[in-house]
Amino acid sequence: MAKITNRIRRLRFDHNEMTQEELAKQAGCTRQTIIALEQGKYVPSIELAFRIAEVFSVRLEEVFQYER
């Protein structure tokens, strides 16, 4: 089964230890969504995925990885 993983926690740390709340506000979602994403319990919509990548000024593939 395919799995989508992410580097959100690492990217937050690399961006001046950004809090989950700060990321949520900038990406237009809730802190609970960020928590679920980091724990691998939630797969974001494509729109949210792009917004998160935009917050970090990176390409989508640098945040989310698709593993078969």
Protein backbone atom coordinates (compact mmCIF):
# COMPACT_ATOMS: atom_id res chain seq x y z
CA MET A 1 0.00 0.00 0.00
CA ALA A 2 1.23 3.50 -0.87
CA LYS A 3 2.01 5.96 1.88
CA ILE A 4 2.41 9.72 2.00
CA THR A 5 5.04 10.98 4.43
CA ASN A 6 6.14 14.52 5.19
CA ARG A 7 8.99 16.59 6.58
CA ILE A 8 6.85 19.25 8.26
CA ARG A 9 8.40 18.88 11.72
CA ARG A 10 11.93 19.13 10.25
CA LEU A 11 11.00 22.14 8.13
CA ARG A 12 9.45 23.90 11.13
CA PHE A 13 12.63 23.33 13.11
CA ASP A 14 14.76 24.60 10.22
CA HIS A 15 12.62 27.76 9.96
CA ASN A 16 13.56 29.28 13.32
CA GLU A 17 11.73 26.55 15.23
CA MET A 18 8.35 27.69 13.92
CA THR A 19 5.51 26.53 16.15
CA GLN A 20 2.65 24.37 14.96
CA GLU A 21 0.33 27.30 15.66
CA GLU A 22 2.41 29.69 13.51
CA LEU A 23 2.43 27.23 10.62
CA ALA A 24 -1.30 26.63 10.95
CA LYS A 25 -2.06 30.36 10.81
CA GLN A 26 0.17 30.93 7.78
CA ALA A 27 -1.20 27.86 5.95
CA GLY A 28 -4.83 28.63 6.80
CA CYS A 29 -5.63 25.54 8.86
CA THR A 30 -5.83 24.52 12.51
CA ARG A 31 -3.03 23.46 14.83
CA GLN A 32 -4.84 20.12 15.19
CA THR A 33 -4.44 19.61 11.44
CA ILE A 34 -0.69 20.23 11.68
CA ILE A 35 -0.45 17.80 14.60
CA ALA A 36 -2.31 15.11 12.62
CA LEU A 37 -0.13 15.71 9.55
CA GLU A 38 3.10 15.43 11.56
CA GLN A 39 1.88 12.19 13.14
CA GLY A 40 1.00 10.73 9.74
CA LYS A 41 -2.67 10.45 10.70
CA TYR A 42 -3.97 12.83 8.03
CA VAL A 43 -3.32 13.37 4.34
CA PRO A 44 -3.87 16.99 3.31
CA SER A 45 -5.87 18.25 0.37
CA ILE A 46 -3.69 19.21 -2.56
CA GLU A 47 -4.50 22.86 -1.86
CA LEU A 48 -3.33 22.65 1.76
CA ALA A 49 -0.21 20.75 0.70
CA PHE A 50 0.71 23.57 -1.69
CA ARG A 51 -0.01 26.23 0.95
CA ILE A 52 2.28 24.49 3.45
CA ALA A 53 5.05 24.26 0.85
CA GLU A 54 4.54 27.95 0.09
CA VAL A 55 4.94 28.87 3.78
CA PHE A 56 8.38 27.22 3.73
CA SER A 57 9.22 28.56 0.23
CA VAL A 58 9.98 25.06 -1.03
CA ARG A 59 8.60 22.75 -3.70
CA LEU A 60 5.76 20.41 -2.77
CA GLU A 61 8.08 17.39 -3.08
CA GLU A 62 10.35 18.84 -0.39
CA VAL A 63 7.48 18.68 2.11
CA PHE A 64 5.54 15.58 1.06
CA GLN A 65 6.84 12.27 -0.26
CA TYR A 66 4.83 9.50 -1.92
CA GLU A 67 6.16 6.05 -1.10
CA ARG A 68 5.01 2.86 -2.76
